[in-house]
Amino acid sequence: MARGILYCMTTIVPGLVKIGKTGIDNYEKRMYSLERNGYVNVVGLKRRFAIEVDDYDEKEALLHEIFSKSNIENTELFAIDVELVVQLLSSFEGRQVYPESLTKEESFDTATDERTNANSVNKYRVPQGEYHFNEKVKGFGLVSASMVVKDKKFIVKQGSRCLPCDKDWMPEARKNASIKDGILQKDVICNSPSTAGWVVLGHANNGWKMWKNADGEYIDVYREK
């Protein structure tokens, strides 16, 4: 059984994902090349998930077959939700290579939350307005944040107090957030309440059961109506 690494990467084009394979010893070199040089004239590639598995040739072929209707002809690029790819890859038996700071279960749960939240935003309308999160965290102190919902966007407000993050993967919203001494310096626009939660907490979360309205209710109440 040939053992190797399956991976998926996002690109500069939203919704365009590269799904590929590489040898175990060649993984870092392959990532370095793709992230710096791009792939078939597409740039901005960033690793999202990688796993070491048996029969990696056959498993890659299976993935390409599953997503064949979304394939860009003669490439390893697919017009598909990267979180769906992560869900499938993290379901394989094997050793997760990237992100190193998350378990396979956490990677699967994070991908599931992102897909669920994206669908829920369209199905359940959170009223426009301001929502809050306040909680004491051992070893850090009070985490206090505000989120404004406007035009189906979830905006974490400047001045929110945020936890540090030591993950090797995080949503772009958290990665690009300007945080100094634990304080958010600029508003951050997010597509879901859980991504807004990532900005504040620095880890995967269920934003629907994190943010509260003025009556102290979780915004999950708007999904139950």
Protein backbone atom coordinates (compact mmCIF):
# COMPACT_ATOMS: atom_id res chain seq x y z
CA MET A 1 0.00 0.00 0.00
CA ALA A 2 1.51 3.31 -1.11
CA ARG A 3 1.43 5.86 1.69
CA GLY A 4 1.42 9.58 1.01
CA ILE A 5 -0.28 12.89 1.75
CA LEU A 6 -3.58 14.25 0.45
CA TYR A 7 -4.12 17.98 0.79
CA CYS A 8 -6.47 20.79 -0.11
CA MET A 9 -5.63 24.46 -0.57
CA THR A 10 -7.62 27.64 -1.00
CA THR A 11 -6.73 30.10 -3.76
CA ILE A 12 -7.00 33.81 -4.40
CA VAL A 13 -10.29 33.05 -6.18
CA PRO A 14 -13.09 32.55 -3.61
CA GLY A 15 -14.60 29.09 -3.90
CA LEU A 16 -11.77 27.69 -6.03
CA VAL A 17 -9.93 24.85 -4.28
CA LYS A 18 -6.91 22.72 -5.20
CA ILE A 19 -7.06 19.04 -4.20
CA GLY A 20 -3.83 17.13 -4.64
CA LYS A 21 -1.38 14.56 -3.35
CA THR A 22 2.33 14.40 -2.66
CA GLY A 23 4.92 12.09 -1.17
CA ILE A 24 5.56 12.29 2.54
CA ASP A 25 9.15 13.48 2.12
CA ASN A 26 8.13 16.01 -0.54
CA TYR A 27 5.23 17.64 1.35
CA GLU A 28 6.94 20.80 2.66
CA LYS A 29 8.74 21.40 -0.63
CA ARG A 30 5.46 21.02 -2.54
CA MET A 31 3.61 23.42 -0.23
CA TYR A 32 6.44 25.93 -0.47
CA SER A 33 6.33 25.84 -4.26
CA LEU A 34 2.53 26.13 -4.55
CA GLU A 35 2.20 28.89 -1.96
CA ARG A 36 4.87 30.99 -3.66
CA ASN A 37 4.50 30.15 -7.34
CA GLY A 38 0.81 29.33 -7.68
CA TYR A 39 -0.74 26.65 -9.89
CA VAL A 40 -1.74 26.94 -13.59
CA ASN A 41 -1.85 30.74 -13.42
CA VAL A 42 -3.83 30.75 -10.16
CA VAL A 43 -2.01 32.39 -7.24
CA GLY A 44 -2.62 32.98 -3.56
CA LEU A 45 -2.67 29.27 -2.66
CA LYS A 46 -2.78 28.57 1.06
CA ARG A 47 -2.82 25.17 2.71
CA ARG A 48 -6.09 24.34 4.45
CA PHE A 49 -5.82 20.66 5.37
CA ALA A 50 -3.45 17.72 4.83
CA ILE A 51 -3.53 14.11 5.95
CA GLU A 52 -1.15 11.16 5.58
CA VAL A 53 -3.02 8.05 4.38
CA ASP A 54 -2.54 4.62 2.85
CA ASP A 55 -3.43 4.15 -0.83
CA TYR A 56 -3.16 7.87 -1.42
CA ASP A 57 -3.22 7.51 -5.21
CA GLU A 58 -6.56 5.72 -5.11
CA LYS A 59 -8.02 8.09 -2.51
CA GLU A 60 -7.05 11.15 -4.54
CA ALA A 61 -8.66 9.61 -7.63
CA LEU A 62 -11.81 9.00 -5.57
CA LEU A 63 -11.93 12.62 -4.42
CA HIS A 64 -11.49 13.86 -7.97
CA GLU A 65 -14.29 11.55 -9.11
CA ILE A 66 -16.63 12.74 -6.32
CA PHE A 67 -16.04 16.39 -7.25
CA SER A 68 -15.72 15.81 -11.01
CA LYS A 69 -18.70 18.03 -11.86
CA SER A 70 -16.95 20.93 -10.15
CA ASN A 71 -13.55 20.33 -11.80
CA ILE A 72 -11.79 22.91 -13.92
CA GLU A 73 -10.81 20.81 -16.95
CA ASN A 74 -7.27 19.42 -17.02
CA THR A 75 -6.40 20.82 -13.58
CA GLU A 76 -6.61 19.85 -9.92
CA LEU A 77 -8.83 22.88 -9.26
CA PHE A 78 -12.45 22.56 -8.17
CA ALA A 79 -15.21 25.13 -7.74
CA ILE A 80 -16.39 23.84 -4.38
CA ASP A 81 -16.67 24.68 -0.68
CA VAL A 82 -13.28 23.92 0.86
CA GLU A 83 -14.94 23.03 4.17
CA LEU A 84 -16.73 20.13 2.47
CA VAL A 85 -13.37 18.84 1.26
CA VAL A 86 -11.97 19.14 4.80
CA GLN A 87 -14.94 17.18 6.14
CA LEU A 88 -14.17 14.33 3.74
CA LEU A 89 -10.40 14.34 4.18
CA SER A 90 -10.62 14.45 7.97
CA SER A 91 -12.91 11.40 7.83
CA PHE A 92 -10.12 9.26 6.36
CA GLU A 93 -8.01 7.02 8.55
CA GLY A 94 -4.57 8.55 8.88
CA ARG A 95 -2.33 11.10 10.55
CA GLN A 96 -3.33 14.73 10.21
CA VAL A 97 -0.36 16.73 8.92
CA TYR A 98 -1.96 20.18 8.79
CA PRO A 99 -3.18 22.00 10.83
CA GLU A 100 -0.77 20.62 13.42
CA SER A 101 -2.47 22.39 16.33
CA LEU A 102 -5.88 20.78 15.75
CA THR A 103 -6.97 17.15 16.05
CA LYS A 104 -8.82 15.47 13.19
CA GLU A 105 -12.00 15.71 15.24
CA GLU A 106 -11.50 19.44 15.76
CA SER A 107 -10.79 19.95 12.07
CA PHE A 108 -13.95 18.07 11.15
CA ASP A 109 -16.02 20.00 13.70
CA THR A 110 -14.62 23.36 12.55
CA ALA A 111 -15.39 22.58 8.92
CA THR A 112 -18.88 21.39 9.86
CA ASP A 113 -19.54 24.54 11.87
CA GLU A 114 -18.39 26.77 9.01
CA ARG A 115 -20.69 25.01 6.53
CA THR A 116 -23.61 24.93 8.96
CA ASN A 117 -23.21 28.57 9.88
CA ALA A 118 -22.94 29.71 6.28
CA ASN A 119 -26.18 27.91 5.45
CA SER A 120 -27.87 29.11 8.62
CA VAL A 121 -27.11 32.77 7.89
CA ASN A 122 -29.28 32.53 4.81
CA LYS A 123 -32.01 30.50 6.48
CA TYR A 124 -32.28 32.27 9.83
CA ARG A 125 -32.22 36.03 10.11
CA VAL A 126 -30.47 37.49 13.12
CA PRO A 127 -32.00 40.95 13.67
CA GLN A 128 -29.74 43.86 12.88
CA GLY A 129 -28.26 45.29 16.04
CA GLU A 130 -25.52 44.83 18.62
CA TYR A 131 -24.67 41.64 20.48
CA HIS A 132 -22.17 40.91 23.23
CA PHE A 133 -19.87 38.33 24.77
CA ASN A 134 -18.48 38.67 28.29
CA GLU A 135 -16.67 35.88 30.09
CA LYS A 136 -13.76 35.51 32.50
CA VAL A 137 -11.02 33.20 31.23
CA LYS A 138 -8.54 31.68 33.68
CA GLY A 139 -5.05 33.06 33.19
CA PHE A 140 -6.28 35.92 31.00
CA GLY A 141 -9.10 37.80 32.68
CA LEU A 142 -12.24 39.26 31.20
CA VAL A 143 -12.92 38.66 27.53
CA SER A 144 -15.39 41.33 26.48
CA ALA A 145 -16.49 41.81 22.89
CA SER A 146 -19.23 43.41 20.81
CA MET A 147 -20.61 42.24 17.49
CA VAL A 148 -22.87 44.23 15.21
CA VAL A 149 -25.13 42.44 12.71
CA LYS A 150 -25.74 44.47 9.57
CA ASP A 151 -26.70 43.41 6.04
CA LYS A 152 -26.16 39.70 6.89
CA LYS A 153 -22.62 40.43 8.05
CA PHE A 154 -21.28 39.87 11.56
CA ILE A 155 -18.93 42.70 12.52
CA VAL A 156 -16.66 42.35 15.54
CA LYS A 157 -16.20 45.87 16.86
CA GLN A 158 -13.00 47.75 17.47
CA GLY A 159 -12.10 47.74 21.16
CA SER A 160 -13.16 44.14 21.76
CA ARG A 161 -10.83 42.29 24.11
CA CYS A 162 -9.56 39.10 22.44
CA LEU A 163 -7.74 35.97 23.54
CA PRO A 164 -4.36 35.09 22.01
CA CYS A 165 -4.24 32.35 19.37
CA ASP A 166 -1.51 29.73 18.91
CA LYS A 167 -3.16 27.74 16.11
CA ASP A 168 -1.31 27.11 12.86
CA TRP A 169 -4.60 27.44 10.99
CA MET A 170 -7.28 30.05 11.58
CA PRO A 171 -9.92 31.78 9.46
CA GLU A 172 -8.73 34.73 7.41
CA ALA A 173 -10.84 37.03 9.59
CA ARG A 174 -8.75 36.16 12.66
CA LYS A 175 -5.46 35.92 10.74
CA ASN A 176 -5.88 39.46 9.37
CA ALA A 177 -7.35 40.98 12.53
CA SER A 178 -5.31 43.82 14.00
CA ILE A 179 -4.98 42.94 17.68
CA LYS A 180 -2.57 44.75 19.99
CA ASP A 181 -2.16 43.86 23.66
CA GLY A 182 -5.35 41.82 23.41
CA ILE A 183 -7.43 44.71 22.03
CA LEU A 184 -8.95 44.69 18.54
CA GLN A 185 -7.74 47.82 16.74
CA LYS A 186 -10.19 47.79 13.80
CA ASP A 187 -13.62 46.35 13.04
CA VAL A 188 -13.53 42.88 11.48
CA ILE A 189 -16.26 41.77 9.05
CA CYS A 190 -17.23 38.09 9.23
CA ASN A 191 -19.68 35.87 7.36
CA SER A 192 -20.93 33.91 10.36
CA PRO A 193 -21.24 34.26 14.14
CA SER A 194 -18.75 31.43 14.66
CA THR A 195 -16.12 33.17 12.55
CA ALA A 196 -16.76 36.28 14.65
CA GLY A 197 -16.21 34.02 17.65
CA TRP A 198 -12.86 32.91 16.20
CA VAL A 199 -11.74 36.55 16.12
CA VAL A 200 -12.44 36.92 19.83
CA LEU A 201 -11.64 33.46 21.22
CA GLY A 202 -8.84 32.37 18.90
CA HIS A 203 -10.27 28.87 18.49
CA ALA A 204 -13.22 26.95 17.06
CA ASN A 205 -16.57 27.69 18.67
CA ASN A 206 -20.32 27.69 18.18
CA GLY A 207 -21.07 31.37 17.70
CA TRP A 208 -24.81 30.79 17.88
CA LYS A 209 -24.33 29.85 21.53
CA MET A 210 -21.69 32.47 22.27
CA TRP A 211 -23.13 35.87 21.36
CA LYS A 212 -26.04 37.24 23.39
CA ASN A 213 -28.68 39.90 22.74
CA ALA A 214 -29.64 42.70 25.13
CA ASP A 215 -31.95 40.31 27.02
CA GLY A 216 -29.10 37.89 27.69
CA GLU A 217 -30.36 35.30 25.19
CA TYR A 218 -28.02 33.45 22.86
CA ILE A 219 -28.62 34.37 19.22
CA ASP A 220 -29.47 30.71 18.72
CA VAL A 221 -33.04 31.73 19.66
CA TYR A 222 -33.39 33.21 16.19
CA ARG A 223 -32.75 29.78 14.67
CA GLU A 224 -35.44 28.17 16.77
CA LYS A 225 -38.30 30.37 15.60
